[in-house]
PDB file of N, CA and C in Angstrom:
ATOM      1  N   VAL A   1      -2.837  11.136  13.097  1.00  0.00           N
ATOM      2  CA  VAL A   1      -2.006  10.350  12.253  1.00  0.00           C
ATOM      3  C   VAL A   1      -2.179  10.793  10.729  1.00  0.00           C
ATOM      4  N   GLN A   2      -1.108  11.127  10.312  1.00  0.00           N
ATOM      5  CA  GLN A   2      -1.358  11.672   8.947  1.00  0.00           C
ATOM      6  C   GLN A   2      -0.367  10.929   8.077  1.00  0.00           C
ATOM      7  N   LEU A   3      -0.809  10.200   6.690  1.00  0.00           N
ATOM      8  CA  LEU A   3       0.100   9.825   6.037  1.00  0.00           C
ATOM      9  C   LEU A   3      -0.112   9.887   4.647  1.00  0.00           C
ATOM     10  N   GLN A   4       1.324  10.416   3.841  1.00  0.00           N
ATOM     11  CA  GLN A   4       1.567  10.747   3.174  1.00  0.00           C
ATOM     12  C   GLN A   4       2.316  10.306   1.902  1.00  0.00           C
ATOM     13  N   ALA A   5       1.120   9.369   0.854  1.00  0.00           N
ATOM     14  CA  ALA A   5       1.736   8.397  -0.195  1.00  0.00           C
ATOM     15  C   ALA A   5       2.534   9.069  -1.536  1.00  0.00           C
ATOM     16  N   SER A   6       3.430   8.579  -2.022  1.00  0.00           N
ATOM     17  CA  SER A   6       4.381   9.319  -2.721  1.00  0.00           C
ATOM     18  C   SER A   6       4.974   7.728  -3.651  1.00  0.00           C
ATOM     19  N   GLY A   7       5.203   8.367  -4.849  1.00  0.00           N
ATOM     20  CA  GLY A   7       5.473   7.361  -5.861  1.00  0.00           C
ATOM     21  C   GLY A   7       5.087   6.931  -7.009  1.00  0.00           C
ATOM     22  N   GLY A   8       3.910   7.284  -7.292  1.00  0.00           N
ATOM     23  CA  GLY A   8       3.147   6.825  -7.968  1.00  0.00           C
ATOM     24  C   GLY A   8       3.697   7.430  -9.659  1.00  0.00           C
ATOM     25  N   GLY A   9       3.139   7.174 -10.718  1.00  0.00           N
ATOM     26  CA  GLY A   9       3.688   7.176 -12.135  1.00  0.00           C
ATOM     27  C   GLY A   9       3.132   7.095 -13.161  1.00  0.00           C
ATOM     28  N   SER A  10       3.639   6.746 -13.956  1.00  0.00           N
ATOM     29  CA  SER A  10       3.114   5.791 -15.471  1.00  0.00           C
ATOM     30  C   SER A  10       4.224   5.112 -15.867  1.00  0.00           C
ATOM     31  N   VAL A  11       4.245   4.051 -16.162  1.00  0.00           N
ATOM     32  CA  VAL A  11       5.077   3.134 -16.795  1.00  0.00           C
ATOM     33  C   VAL A  11       4.231   2.447 -17.855  1.00  0.00           C
ATOM     34  N   GLN A  12       5.266   1.474 -18.250  1.00  0.00           N
ATOM     35  CA  GLN A  12       4.794   0.567 -19.278  1.00  0.00           C
ATOM     36  C   GLN A  12       4.492  -0.641 -18.469  1.00  0.00           C
ATOM     37  N   ALA A  13       3.661  -1.764 -19.215  1.00  0.00           N
ATOM     38  CA  ALA A  13       3.475  -3.042 -18.529  1.00  0.00           C
ATOM     39  C   ALA A  13       5.026  -3.829 -18.580  1.00  0.00           C
ATOM     40  N   GLY A  14       5.431  -4.601 -17.484  1.00  0.00           N
ATOM     41  CA  GLY A  14       6.489  -4.795 -17.074  1.00  0.00           C
ATOM     42  C   GLY A  14       7.695  -4.326 -16.405  1.00  0.00           C
ATOM     43  N   GLY A  15       7.008  -2.828 -16.214  1.00  0.00           N
ATOM     44  CA  GLY A  15       7.828  -2.039 -15.380  1.00  0.00           C
ATOM     45  C   GLY A  15       7.687  -2.207 -14.002  1.00  0.00           C
ATOM     46  N   SER A  16       8.381  -1.192 -13.088  1.00  0.00           N
ATOM     47  CA  SER A  16       8.383  -1.200 -11.389  1.00  0.00           C
ATOM     48  C   SER A  16       7.984   0.218 -11.040  1.00  0.00           C
ATOM     49  N   LEU A  17       7.611   0.242  -9.974  1.00  0.00           N
ATOM     50  CA  LEU A  17       7.386   1.378  -8.985  1.00  0.00           C
ATOM     51  C   LEU A  17       7.455   0.860  -7.443  1.00  0.00           C
ATOM     52  N   ARG A  18       8.293   1.693  -6.970  1.00  0.00           N
ATOM     53  CA  ARG A  18       8.314   1.662  -5.573  1.00  0.00           C
ATOM     54  C   ARG A  18       7.294   3.084  -4.815  1.00  0.00           C
ATOM     55  N   LEU A  19       5.964   2.570  -4.218  1.00  0.00           N
ATOM     56  CA  LEU A  19       5.398   3.691  -3.643  1.00  0.00           C
ATOM     57  C   LEU A  19       6.376   3.659  -1.960  1.00  0.00           C
ATOM     58  N   SER A  20       5.711   4.825  -1.414  1.00  0.00           N
ATOM     59  CA  SER A  20       6.016   5.158  -0.189  1.00  0.00           C
ATOM     60  C   SER A  20       5.186   5.741   0.523  1.00  0.00           C
ATOM     61  N   CYS A  21       4.991   5.672   1.938  1.00  0.00           N
ATOM     62  CA  CYS A  21       3.850   6.261   2.708  1.00  0.00           C
ATOM     63  C   CYS A  21       4.739   6.571   4.216  1.00  0.00           C
ATOM     64  N   ALA A  22       4.707   8.200   4.024  1.00  0.00           N
ATOM     65  CA  ALA A  22       5.402   8.626   5.128  1.00  0.00           C
ATOM     66  C   ALA A  22       4.414   9.033   6.356  1.00  0.00           C
ATOM     67  N   ALA A  23       4.402   8.634   7.482  1.00  0.00           N
ATOM     68  CA  ALA A  23       3.845   8.900   8.430  1.00  0.00           C
ATOM     69  C   ALA A  23       3.788  10.045   9.545  1.00  0.00           C
ATOM     70  N   SER A  24       3.000  10.739   9.795  1.00  0.00           N
ATOM     71  CA  SER A  24       3.383  11.673  10.961  1.00  0.00           C
ATOM     72  C   SER A  24       2.647  11.285  12.182  1.00  0.00           C
ATOM     73  N   VAL A  25       3.210  10.751  13.039  1.00  0.00           N
ATOM     74  CA  VAL A  25       3.043  10.003  14.525  1.00  0.00           C
ATOM     75  C   VAL A  25       3.698   9.653  15.085  1.00  0.00           C
ATOM     76  N   ARG A  26       3.635   9.629  16.734  1.00  0.00           N
ATOM     77  CA  ARG A  26       4.894   9.666  17.564  1.00  0.00           C
ATOM     78  C   ARG A  26       5.383   8.059  17.432  1.00  0.00           C
ATOM     79  N   THR A  27       4.257   7.280  17.367  1.00  0.00           N
ATOM     80  CA  THR A  27       5.173   5.606  17.283  1.00  0.00           C
ATOM     81  C   THR A  27       4.520   5.043  16.383  1.00  0.00           C
ATOM     82  N   PHE A  28       5.262   5.209  15.207  1.00  0.00           N
ATOM     83  CA  PHE A  28       4.721   4.201  14.037  1.00  0.00           C
ATOM     84  C   PHE A  28       4.606   2.792  14.230  1.00  0.00           C
ATOM     85  N   SER A  29       5.413   2.414  15.271  1.00  0.00           N
ATOM     86  CA  SER A  29       5.015   0.873  15.188  1.00  0.00           C
ATOM     87  C   SER A  29       4.104   0.299  16.129  1.00  0.00           C
ATOM     88  N   ASN A  30       3.442   1.349  16.428  1.00  0.00           N
ATOM     89  CA  ASN A  30       1.999   0.949  17.152  1.00  0.00           C
ATOM     90  C   ASN A  30       1.000   0.447  15.789  1.00  0.00           C
ATOM     91  N   TYR A  31       1.218   0.809  14.663  1.00  0.00           N
ATOM     92  CA  TYR A  31       0.370   0.646  13.390  1.00  0.00           C
ATOM     93  C   TYR A  31       0.430  -0.526  12.899  1.00  0.00           C
ATOM     94  N   VAL A  32      -0.436  -1.270  12.308  1.00  0.00           N
ATOM     95  CA  VAL A  32      -0.679  -2.290  11.261  1.00  0.00           C
ATOM     96  C   VAL A  32      -0.708  -1.139   9.986  1.00  0.00           C
ATOM     97  N   MET A  33      -0.202  -1.530   9.105  1.00  0.00           N
ATOM     98  CA  MET A  33       0.066  -0.611   7.898  1.00  0.00           C
ATOM     99  C   MET A  33      -0.495  -1.170   6.551  1.00  0.00           C
ATOM    100  N   GLY A  34      -1.406  -0.808   5.625  1.00  0.00           N
ATOM    101  CA  GLY A  34      -1.593  -1.435   4.390  1.00  0.00           C
ATOM    102  C   GLY A  34      -1.970  -0.680   3.233  1.00  0.00           C
ATOM    103  N   TRP A  35      -1.829  -1.210   1.956  1.00  0.00           N
ATOM    104  CA  TRP A  35      -2.002  -0.914   1.054  1.00  0.00           C
ATOM    105  C   TRP A  35      -3.226  -1.189   0.053  1.00  0.00           C
ATOM    106  N   PHE A  36      -4.172  -0.262  -0.122  1.00  0.00           N
ATOM    107  CA  PHE A  36      -5.258  -0.621  -0.842  1.00  0.00           C
ATOM    108  C   PHE A  36      -5.025   0.423  -2.577  1.00  0.00           C
ATOM    109  N   ARG A  37      -5.925  -0.197  -2.978  1.00  0.00           N
ATOM    110  CA  ARG A  37      -6.129   0.384  -4.676  1.00  0.00           C
ATOM    111  C   ARG A  37      -7.493   0.428  -4.987  1.00  0.00           C
ATOM    112  N   GLN A  38      -7.774   1.479  -5.475  1.00  0.00           N
ATOM    113  CA  GLN A  38      -9.166   1.913  -6.218  1.00  0.00           C
ATOM    114  C   GLN A  38      -8.997   2.387  -7.745  1.00  0.00           C
ATOM    115  N   ALA A  39      -9.471   1.476  -8.771  1.00  0.00           N
ATOM    116  CA  ALA A  39      -9.616   1.687  -9.900  1.00  0.00           C
ATOM    117  C   ALA A  39     -10.786   2.267 -10.592  1.00  0.00           C
ATOM    118  N   PRO A  40     -10.713   3.200 -11.437  1.00  0.00           N
ATOM    119  CA  PRO A  40     -11.996   3.779 -11.917  1.00  0.00           C
ATOM    120  C   PRO A  40     -13.358   3.240 -12.161  1.00  0.00           C
ATOM    121  N   GLY A  41     -14.158   3.581 -11.356  1.00  0.00           N
ATOM    122  CA  GLY A  41     -15.190   2.289 -11.329  1.00  0.00           C
ATOM    123  C   GLY A  41     -15.542   1.611 -10.532  1.00  0.00           C
ATOM    124  N   LYS A  42     -14.272   1.242  -9.523  1.00  0.00           N
ATOM    125  CA  LYS A  42     -14.302  -0.106  -8.958  1.00  0.00           C
ATOM    126  C   LYS A  42     -14.168   0.450  -7.573  1.00  0.00           C
ATOM    127  N   GLU A  43     -14.398  -1.042  -6.750  1.00  0.00           N
ATOM    128  CA  GLU A  43     -14.536  -0.639  -5.400  1.00  0.00           C
ATOM    129  C   GLU A  43     -12.721  -0.622  -4.971  1.00  0.00           C
ATOM    130  N   ARG A  44     -12.842  -0.078  -3.752  1.00  0.00           N
ATOM    131  CA  ARG A  44     -11.829   0.091  -3.214  1.00  0.00           C
ATOM    132  C   ARG A  44     -11.397  -1.394  -2.939  1.00  0.00           C
ATOM    133  N   GLU A  45     -10.128  -2.046  -3.352  1.00  0.00           N
ATOM    134  CA  GLU A  45      -9.614  -3.298  -2.805  1.00  0.00           C
ATOM    135  C   GLU A  45      -8.168  -3.581  -1.886  1.00  0.00           C
ATOM    136  N   PHE A  46      -8.006  -4.547  -1.283  1.00  0.00           N
ATOM    137  CA  PHE A  46      -7.049  -4.757  -0.570  1.00  0.00           C
ATOM    138  C   PHE A  46      -5.603  -5.108  -1.352  1.00  0.00           C
ATOM    139  N   VAL A  47      -4.306  -4.610  -1.345  1.00  0.00           N
ATOM    140  CA  VAL A  47      -3.766  -4.654  -1.680  1.00  0.00           C
ATOM    141  C   VAL A  47      -2.469  -5.784  -1.045  1.00  0.00           C
ATOM    142  N   ALA A  48      -2.182  -5.050   0.205  1.00  0.00           N
ATOM    143  CA  ALA A  48      -1.002  -5.792   1.014  1.00  0.00           C
ATOM    144  C   ALA A  48      -1.366  -5.303   2.310  1.00  0.00           C
ATOM    145  N   ALA A  49      -0.762  -6.019   3.184  1.00  0.00           N
ATOM    146  CA  ALA A  49      -0.659  -5.106   4.642  1.00  0.00           C
ATOM    147  C   ALA A  49       1.062  -6.262   5.174  1.00  0.00           C
ATOM    148  N   ILE A  50       0.986  -5.015   6.449  1.00  0.00           N
ATOM    149  CA  ILE A  50       2.429  -5.443   7.395  1.00  0.00           C
ATOM    150  C   ILE A  50       1.952  -5.492   8.587  1.00  0.00           C
ATOM    151  N   ASN A  51       2.512  -6.168   9.365  1.00  0.00           N
ATOM    152  CA  ASN A  51       2.086  -5.847  10.888  1.00  0.00           C
ATOM    153  C   ASN A  51       3.070  -5.246  11.532  1.00  0.00           C
ATOM    154  N   TRP A  52       2.810  -4.570  12.674  1.00  0.00           N
ATOM    155  CA  TRP A  52       3.884  -3.918  13.372  1.00  0.00           C
ATOM    156  C   TRP A  52       5.332  -3.844  13.081  1.00  0.00           C
ATOM    157  N   ARG A  53       5.654  -5.103  13.720  1.00  0.00           N
ATOM    158  CA  ARG A  53       7.180  -5.070  13.457  1.00  0.00           C
ATOM    159  C   ARG A  53       7.838  -5.377  11.789  1.00  0.00           C
ATOM    160  N   GLY A  54       6.815  -5.728  10.920  1.00  0.00           N
ATOM    161  CA  GLY A  54       6.976  -6.003   9.751  1.00  0.00           C
ATOM    162  C   GLY A  54       7.468  -7.356   9.366  1.00  0.00           C
ATOM    163  N   ILE A  55       7.014  -8.183  10.579  1.00  0.00           N
ATOM    164  CA  ILE A  55       7.117  -9.716  10.986  1.00  0.00           C
ATOM    165  C   ILE A  55       6.343 -10.737   9.583  1.00  0.00           C
ATOM    166  N   SER A  56       5.109 -10.006   9.791  1.00  0.00           N
ATOM    167  CA  SER A  56       3.881 -10.696   8.872  1.00  0.00           C
ATOM    168  C   SER A  56       3.657 -10.045   7.735  1.00  0.00           C
ATOM    169  N   THR A  57       3.369 -10.150   6.747  1.00  0.00           N
ATOM    170  CA  THR A  57       2.703  -9.815   5.231  1.00  0.00           C
ATOM    171  C   THR A  57       1.481 -10.356   4.844  1.00  0.00           C
ATOM    172  N   ASN A  58       0.836 -10.076   4.001  1.00  0.00           N
ATOM    173  CA  ASN A  58      -0.262 -10.567   3.225  1.00  0.00           C
ATOM    174  C   ASN A  58      -0.702 -10.054   2.005  1.00  0.00           C
ATOM    175  N   TYR A  59      -0.783 -10.347   1.116  1.00  0.00           N
ATOM    176  CA  TYR A  59      -0.987 -10.031  -0.020  1.00  0.00           C
ATOM    177  C   TYR A  59      -2.146 -10.629  -0.929  1.00  0.00           C
ATOM    178  N   ALA A  60      -2.990  -9.697  -1.397  1.00  0.00           N
ATOM    179  CA  ALA A  60      -4.280 -10.042  -2.649  1.00  0.00           C
ATOM    180  C   ALA A  60      -3.568 -11.046  -3.410  1.00  0.00           C
ATOM    181  N   ASP A  61      -4.242 -12.274  -3.827  1.00  0.00           N
ATOM    182  CA  ASP A  61      -3.721 -12.891  -5.069  1.00  0.00           C
ATOM    183  C   ASP A  61      -3.386 -12.277  -6.057  1.00  0.00           C
ATOM    184  N   SER A  62      -3.734 -11.205  -6.251  1.00  0.00           N
ATOM    185  CA  SER A  62      -3.497 -10.864  -7.705  1.00  0.00           C
ATOM    186  C   SER A  62      -2.274 -10.035  -7.708  1.00  0.00           C
ATOM    187  N   VAL A  63      -1.559  -9.717  -6.442  1.00  0.00           N
ATOM    188  CA  VAL A  63      -0.007  -8.907  -6.570  1.00  0.00           C
ATOM    189  C   VAL A  63       0.779 -10.090  -6.183  1.00  0.00           C
ATOM    190  N   LYS A  64       0.439 -11.359  -5.286  1.00  0.00           N
ATOM    191  CA  LYS A  64       1.343 -11.956  -4.741  1.00  0.00           C
ATOM    192  C   LYS A  64       2.528 -12.442  -5.944  1.00  0.00           C
ATOM    193  N   GLY A  65       3.760 -12.494  -5.325  1.00  0.00           N
ATOM    194  CA  GLY A  65       4.816 -12.492  -6.147  1.00  0.00           C
ATOM    195  C   GLY A  65       5.388 -11.558  -7.071  1.00  0.00           C
ATOM    196  N   ARG A  66       4.668 -10.319  -6.946  1.00  0.00           N
ATOM    197  CA  ARG A  66       5.202  -9.045  -7.592  1.00  0.00           C
ATOM    198  C   ARG A  66       5.136  -8.373  -6.647  1.00  0.00           C
ATOM    199  N   PHE A  67       4.173  -7.891  -5.984  1.00  0.00           N
ATOM    200  CA  PHE A  67       4.322  -6.686  -5.160  1.00  0.00           C
ATOM    201  C   PHE A  67       5.115  -7.099  -3.527  1.00  0.00           C
ATOM    202  N   THR A  68       5.805  -6.541  -2.902  1.00  0.00           N
ATOM    203  CA  THR A  68       6.610  -6.381  -1.455  1.00  0.00           C
ATOM    204  C   THR A  68       6.054  -5.213  -0.975  1.00  0.00           C
ATOM    205  N   ILE A  69       5.492  -5.317   0.311  1.00  0.00           N
ATOM    206  CA  ILE A  69       5.304  -4.420   1.124  1.00  0.00           C
ATOM    207  C   ILE A  69       6.577  -4.884   2.188  1.00  0.00           C
ATOM    208  N   SER A  70       6.729  -3.657   2.928  1.00  0.00           N
ATOM    209  CA  SER A  70       7.828  -3.144   3.661  1.00  0.00           C
ATOM    210  C   SER A  70       7.872  -2.205   4.614  1.00  0.00           C
ATOM    211  N   ARG A  71       8.598  -2.201   5.668  1.00  0.00           N
ATOM    212  CA  ARG A  71       8.563  -1.138   6.666  1.00  0.00           C
ATOM    213  C   ARG A  71       9.668  -0.753   7.397  1.00  0.00           C
ATOM    214  N   ASP A  72       9.949   0.690   7.529  1.00  0.00           N
ATOM    215  CA  ASP A  72      11.460   0.917   8.176  1.00  0.00           C
ATOM    216  C   ASP A  72      10.553   1.896   9.056  1.00  0.00           C
ATOM    217  N   ASN A  73      10.733   1.524  10.441  1.00  0.00           N
ATOM    218  CA  ASN A  73       9.892   1.911  11.736  1.00  0.00           C
ATOM    219  C   ASN A  73      10.604   3.283  12.081  1.00  0.00           C
ATOM    220  N   ALA A  74      11.720   3.315  12.065  1.00  0.00           N
ATOM    221  CA  ALA A  74      12.951   4.194  12.736  1.00  0.00           C
ATOM    222  C   ALA A  74      12.372   5.696  11.179  1.00  0.00           C
ATOM    223  N   LYS A  75      12.435   5.332  10.402  1.00  0.00           N
ATOM    224  CA  LYS A  75      11.501   6.389   9.183  1.00  0.00           C
ATOM    225  C   LYS A  75      10.099   6.765   9.331  1.00  0.00           C
ATOM    226  N   SER A  76       9.181   5.631  10.184  1.00  0.00           N
ATOM    227  CA  SER A  76       8.077   6.110  10.062  1.00  0.00           C
ATOM    228  C   SER A  76       7.338   5.856   8.779  1.00  0.00           C
ATOM    229  N   THR A  77       7.960   4.793   7.577  1.00  0.00           N
ATOM    230  CA  THR A  77       7.490   4.897   6.519  1.00  0.00           C
ATOM    231  C   THR A  77       7.214   3.422   5.944  1.00  0.00           C
ATOM    232  N   VAL A  78       6.407   3.338   4.998  1.00  0.00           N
ATOM    233  CA  VAL A  78       6.168   1.904   4.629  1.00  0.00           C
ATOM    234  C   VAL A  78       6.008   2.274   3.074  1.00  0.00           C
ATOM    235  N   TYR A  79       6.738   1.116   2.449  1.00  0.00           N
ATOM    236  CA  TYR A  79       6.875   0.961   1.060  1.00  0.00           C
ATOM    237  C   TYR A  79       6.105  -0.090   0.400  1.00  0.00           C
ATOM    238  N   LEU A  80       5.916   0.047  -0.966  1.00  0.00           N
ATOM    239  CA  LEU A  80       5.342  -1.207  -1.825  1.00  0.00           C
ATOM    240  C   LEU A  80       6.180  -1.480  -3.101  1.00  0.00           C
ATOM    241  N   GLN A  81       6.853  -2.155  -3.078  1.00  0.00           N
ATOM    242  CA  GLN A  81       7.455  -2.418  -4.336  1.00  0.00           C
ATOM    243  C   GLN A  81       6.875  -3.169  -4.996  1.00  0.00           C
ATOM    244  N   MET A  82       6.778  -2.383  -6.365  1.00  0.00           N
ATOM    245  CA  MET A  82       5.833  -3.080  -7.406  1.00  0.00           C
ATOM    246  C   MET A  82       6.274  -3.479  -8.686  1.00  0.00           C
ATOM    247  N   LEU A  83       6.747  -4.777  -8.968  1.00  0.00           N
ATOM    248  CA  LEU A  83       7.233  -5.475 -10.158  1.00  0.00           C
ATOM    249  C   LEU A  83       6.433  -5.854 -10.968  1.00  0.00           C
ATOM    250  N   SER A  84       6.957  -6.060 -12.406  1.00  0.00           N
ATOM    251  CA  SER A  84       6.166  -6.743 -13.527  1.00  0.00           C
ATOM    252  C   SER A  84       4.785  -6.233 -13.306  1.00  0.00           C
ATOM    253  N   LEU A  85       4.880  -5.031 -13.537  1.00  0.00           N
ATOM    254  CA  LEU A  85       3.594  -4.176 -13.596  1.00  0.00           C
ATOM    255  C   LEU A  85       2.302  -4.356 -14.676  1.00  0.00           C
ATOM    256  N   LYS A  86       1.091  -4.829 -14.275  1.00  0.00           N
ATOM    257  CA  LYS A  86       0.233  -4.605 -15.731  1.00  0.00           C
ATOM    258  C   LYS A  86      -0.655  -3.864 -16.101  1.00  0.00           C
ATOM    259  N   PRO A  87      -1.549  -3.659 -16.760  1.00  0.00           N
ATOM    260  CA  PRO A  87      -2.254  -2.746 -17.182  1.00  0.00           C
ATOM    261  C   PRO A  87      -3.312  -2.668 -15.677  1.00  0.00           C
ATOM    262  N   GLU A  88      -4.330  -4.102 -15.569  1.00  0.00           N
ATOM    263  CA  GLU A  88      -4.702  -4.406 -14.406  1.00  0.00           C
ATOM    264  C   GLU A  88      -4.444  -3.871 -13.353  1.00  0.00           C
ATOM    265  N   ASP A  89      -3.243  -3.159 -13.063  1.00  0.00           N
ATOM    266  CA  ASP A  89      -2.713  -2.665 -11.584  1.00  0.00           C
ATOM    267  C   ASP A  89      -2.936  -1.239 -11.781  1.00  0.00           C
ATOM    268  N   THR A  90      -3.482  -0.544 -12.675  1.00  0.00           N
ATOM    269  CA  THR A  90      -3.621   0.810 -13.039  1.00  0.00           C
ATOM    270  C   THR A  90      -4.599   1.448 -11.967  1.00  0.00           C
ATOM    271  N   ALA A  91      -4.149   2.041 -11.069  1.00  0.00           N
ATOM    272  CA  ALA A  91      -5.366   2.484  -9.616  1.00  0.00           C
ATOM    273  C   ALA A  91      -4.948   3.667  -9.208  1.00  0.00           C
ATOM    274  N   VAL A  92      -5.633   4.296  -8.329  1.00  0.00           N
ATOM    275  CA  VAL A  92      -5.146   5.074  -7.345  1.00  0.00           C
ATOM    276  C   VAL A  92      -4.954   4.394  -6.135  1.00  0.00           C
ATOM    277  N   TYR A  93      -3.253   4.453  -5.516  1.00  0.00           N
ATOM    278  CA  TYR A  93      -2.984   3.340  -4.444  1.00  0.00           C
ATOM    279  C   TYR A  93      -3.024   4.503  -3.273  1.00  0.00           C
ATOM    280  N   TYR A  94      -3.935   3.552  -2.010  1.00  0.00           N
ATOM    281  CA  TYR A  94      -3.733   4.341  -0.885  1.00  0.00           C
ATOM    282  C   TYR A  94      -3.063   3.508  -0.064  1.00  0.00           C
ATOM    283  N   CYS A  95      -2.331   4.329   1.261  1.00  0.00           N
ATOM    284  CA  CYS A  95      -1.857   3.829   2.061  1.00  0.00           C
ATOM    285  C   CYS A  95      -2.531   4.310   3.050  1.00  0.00           C
ATOM    286  N   ALA A  96      -2.673   3.218   4.393  1.00  0.00           N
ATOM    287  CA  ALA A  96      -3.772   3.446   5.153  1.00  0.00           C
ATOM    288  C   ALA A  96      -3.044   2.821   6.795  1.00  0.00           C
ATOM    289  N   ALA A  97      -3.605   2.759   7.882  1.00  0.00           N
ATOM    290  CA  ALA A  97      -3.078   2.516   9.205  1.00  0.00           C
ATOM    291  C   ALA A  97      -4.213   2.107  10.128  1.00  0.00           C
ATOM    292  N   SER A  98      -3.911   1.408  11.046  1.00  0.00           N
ATOM    293  CA  SER A  98      -4.803   0.421  11.685  1.00  0.00           C
ATOM    294  C   SER A  98      -4.083  -0.163  12.981  1.00  0.00           C
ATOM    295  N   TYR A  99      -4.841  -0.215  14.145  1.00  0.00           N
ATOM    296  CA  TYR A  99      -4.339  -0.804  15.357  1.00  0.00           C
ATOM    297  C   TYR A  99      -4.129  -2.020  15.198  1.00  0.00           C
ATOM    298  N   PHE A 100      -5.185  -2.778  14.532  1.00  0.00           N
ATOM    299  CA  PHE A 100      -5.164  -4.117  14.646  1.00  0.00           C
ATOM    300  C   PHE A 100      -4.863  -4.571  13.260  1.00  0.00           C
ATOM    301  N   TYR A 101      -4.118  -6.054  13.305  1.00  0.00           N
ATOM    302  CA  TYR A 101      -4.233  -6.839  12.274  1.00  0.00           C
ATOM    303  C   TYR A 101      -5.108  -7.954  11.670  1.00  0.00           C
ATOM    304  N   SER A 102      -5.775  -8.068  12.541  1.00  0.00           N
ATOM    305  CA  SER A 102      -7.357  -8.857  12.225  1.00  0.00           C
ATOM    306  C   SER A 102      -7.858  -8.184  11.113  1.00  0.00           C
ATOM    307  N   ASP A 103      -8.489  -8.979  10.166  1.00  0.00           N
ATOM    308  CA  ASP A 103      -9.312  -8.219   9.379  1.00  0.00           C
ATOM    309  C   ASP A 103      -8.470  -7.535   8.161  1.00  0.00           C
ATOM    310  N   TYR A 104      -6.895  -7.622   8.120  1.00  0.00           N
ATOM    311  CA  TYR A 104      -6.312  -7.011   7.908  1.00  0.00           C
ATOM    312  C   TYR A 104      -6.537  -6.401   6.291  1.00  0.00           C
ATOM    313  N   ASP A 105      -7.220  -7.072   5.436  1.00  0.00           N
ATOM    314  CA  ASP A 105      -8.172  -6.693   3.948  1.00  0.00           C
ATOM    315  C   ASP A 105      -9.072  -6.018   4.012  1.00  0.00           C
ATOM    316  N   VAL A 106      -9.613  -5.481   5.384  1.00  0.00           N
ATOM    317  CA  VAL A 106     -10.883  -5.304   5.086  1.00  0.00           C
ATOM    318  C   VAL A 106     -11.064  -3.442   5.363  1.00  0.00           C
ATOM    319  N   PRO A 107     -11.257  -2.640   4.560  1.00  0.00           N
ATOM    320  CA  PRO A 107     -11.047  -1.235   4.605  1.00  0.00           C
ATOM    321  C   PRO A 107     -11.124  -0.618   5.710  1.00  0.00           C
ATOM    322  N   THR A 108     -12.226  -1.232   6.729  1.00  0.00           N
ATOM    323  CA  THR A 108     -13.066  -0.418   7.495  1.00  0.00           C
ATOM    324  C   THR A 108     -12.109  -0.935   8.500  1.00  0.00           C
ATOM    325  N   ASN A 109     -11.536  -1.804   8.620  1.00  0.00           N
ATOM    326  CA  ASN A 109     -10.204  -1.803   9.912  1.00  0.00           C
ATOM    327  C   ASN A 109      -9.470  -0.801   9.859  1.00  0.00           C
ATOM    328  N   TYR A 110      -9.227  -0.031   9.143  1.00  0.00           N
ATOM    329  CA  TYR A 110      -8.135   0.819   8.767  1.00  0.00           C
ATOM    330  C   TYR A 110      -8.948   2.368   9.287  1.00  0.00           C
ATOM    331  N   ALA A 111      -8.140   3.126  10.341  1.00  0.00           N
ATOM    332  CA  ALA A 111      -8.742   4.198  10.740  1.00  0.00           C
ATOM    333  C   ALA A 111      -8.131   5.570  10.235  1.00  0.00           C
ATOM    334  N   TYR A 112      -7.212   5.533   9.582  1.00  0.00           N
ATOM    335  CA  TYR A 112      -6.316   6.617   9.041  1.00  0.00           C
ATOM    336  C   TYR A 112      -5.931   6.239   7.253  1.00  0.00           C
ATOM    337  N   TRP A 113      -6.191   7.370   6.753  1.00  0.00           N
ATOM    338  CA  TRP A 113      -5.922   7.124   4.903  1.00  0.00           C
ATOM    339  C   TRP A 113      -5.054   7.696   4.474  1.00  0.00           C
ATOM    340  N   GLY A 114      -4.169   7.587   3.625  1.00  0.00           N
ATOM    341  CA  GLY A 114      -3.323   8.714   3.166  1.00  0.00           C
ATOM    342  C   GLY A 114      -4.228   9.362   1.832  1.00  0.00           C
ATOM    343  N   GLN A 115      -3.725  10.287   1.357  1.00  0.00           N
ATOM    344  CA  GLN A 115      -4.498  10.557   0.129  1.00  0.00           C
ATOM    345  C   GLN A 115      -4.177   9.927  -1.184  1.00  0.00           C
ATOM    346  N   GLY A 116      -3.786   9.458  -1.566  1.00  0.00           N
ATOM    347  CA  GLY A 116      -3.647   8.188  -2.551  1.00  0.00           C
ATOM    348  C   GLY A 116      -2.531   8.926  -3.764  1.00  0.00           C
ATOM    349  N   THR A 117      -2.288   7.784  -4.825  1.00  0.00           N
ATOM    350  CA  THR A 117      -0.900   8.152  -5.950  1.00  0.00           C
ATOM    351  C   THR A 117      -1.383   7.160  -6.490  1.00  0.00           C
ATOM    352  N   LEU A 118      -1.351   8.099  -7.554  1.00  0.00           N
ATOM    353  CA  LEU A 118      -2.057   7.257  -9.199  1.00  0.00           C
ATOM    354  C   LEU A 118      -0.972   6.553  -9.718  1.00  0.00           C
ATOM    355  N   VAL A 119      -1.143   5.607 -10.071  1.00  0.00           N
ATOM    356  CA  VAL A 119      -0.133   4.527 -10.788  1.00  0.00           C
ATOM    357  C   VAL A 119      -0.880   4.226 -12.112  1.00  0.00           C
ATOM    358  N   THR A 120      -0.219   4.512 -13.453  1.00  0.00           N
ATOM    359  CA  THR A 120      -1.058   4.154 -14.736  1.00  0.00           C
ATOM    360  C   THR A 120       0.236   3.232 -15.439  1.00  0.00           C
ATOM    361  N   VAL A 121      -0.498   2.283 -15.860  1.00  0.00           N
ATOM    362  CA  VAL A 121       0.308   1.158 -16.572  1.00  0.00           C
ATOM    363  C   VAL A 121      -0.515   1.035 -17.847  1.00  0.00           C
ATOM    364  N   SER A 122       0.696   1.525 -18.697  1.00  0.00           N
ATOM    365  CA  SER A 122       0.042   1.400 -20.263  1.00  0.00           C
ATOM    366  C   SER A 122       0.603  -0.332 -20.591  1.00  0.00           C
ATOM    367  N   SER A 123       0.023  -0.633 -22.045  1.00  0.00           N
ATOM    368  CA  SER A 123       0.363  -1.818 -22.509  1.00  0.00           C
ATOM    369  C   SER A 123       1.069  -1.509 -23.441  1.00  0.00           C
TER     370      SER A 123
END
């Protein structure tokens, strides 16, 4: 499984970005997809997850109501729409794939990781 994240950039506070993560995999719908982020000097943290068919989603409290995770299984792509961005959202964002939805917020649950895309939010 290869994951390619894109869509990062620099925006001002209050702005928006949409991240994409394209998967090179035979059956994308076999995988739970998650987004994590890591700010400088901090541990990697959970942002959002979506189950195999996109019916169930979960979010970190810090992004709930501002970020939306979605997936297009026909395109083997997962998205993260980010609205009302804050400076504290600045981080490298990683997409990840797992076979399991349990422990969706735990990085070690995910077997495959993309390379990360940088999001910088200025005040």
